[in-house]
Amino acid sequence: MKAYMKSFTAATLLILFLAMGIEASAKTKGSVVIIQTSAICESCKARLEKTLKATPGIMEAELNLTNKKVKVKYDPTKLSENQIRLVITQTGYDADDMKADAKAYEKLPHCCQKPEKGKE
């Protein structure tokens, strides 16, 4: 009977630890969102990725300059997709349908500002 109880206790503890490990690993997976930006050069890429990665709740950020889309892996319990878009606009770039903050845009280096229509 003692051997049975030891085995039962050990099995129960093992199941408990496994369940905790699965739950912890599920929390670190995060969600992914892809956002269209107005970024145009390597300087934009560096600035945007650095700002996003420094934002609490964002685990990864990778901007593809070919299609101007940034892929962001984030913790949805800490921030929403719209909050990520807001970070992008406050950095000076458009984010999907949200326009860049005008003051932040003006602070961008000239190479990072969109060419004016007719002066391209």
Foldseek 3Di string as FASTA:
>chain_A
DVVVVVVVVVVVVVVVVVVVVVVVVVQVQADKDKWAKLFADPVSQVLLQVQQCPDPFWPGWGADNVRRIIMTGGRVVVDDPVVSQVSRLDCQMHTHPRHHDPVNVVPDPPVGHDDDPPRD
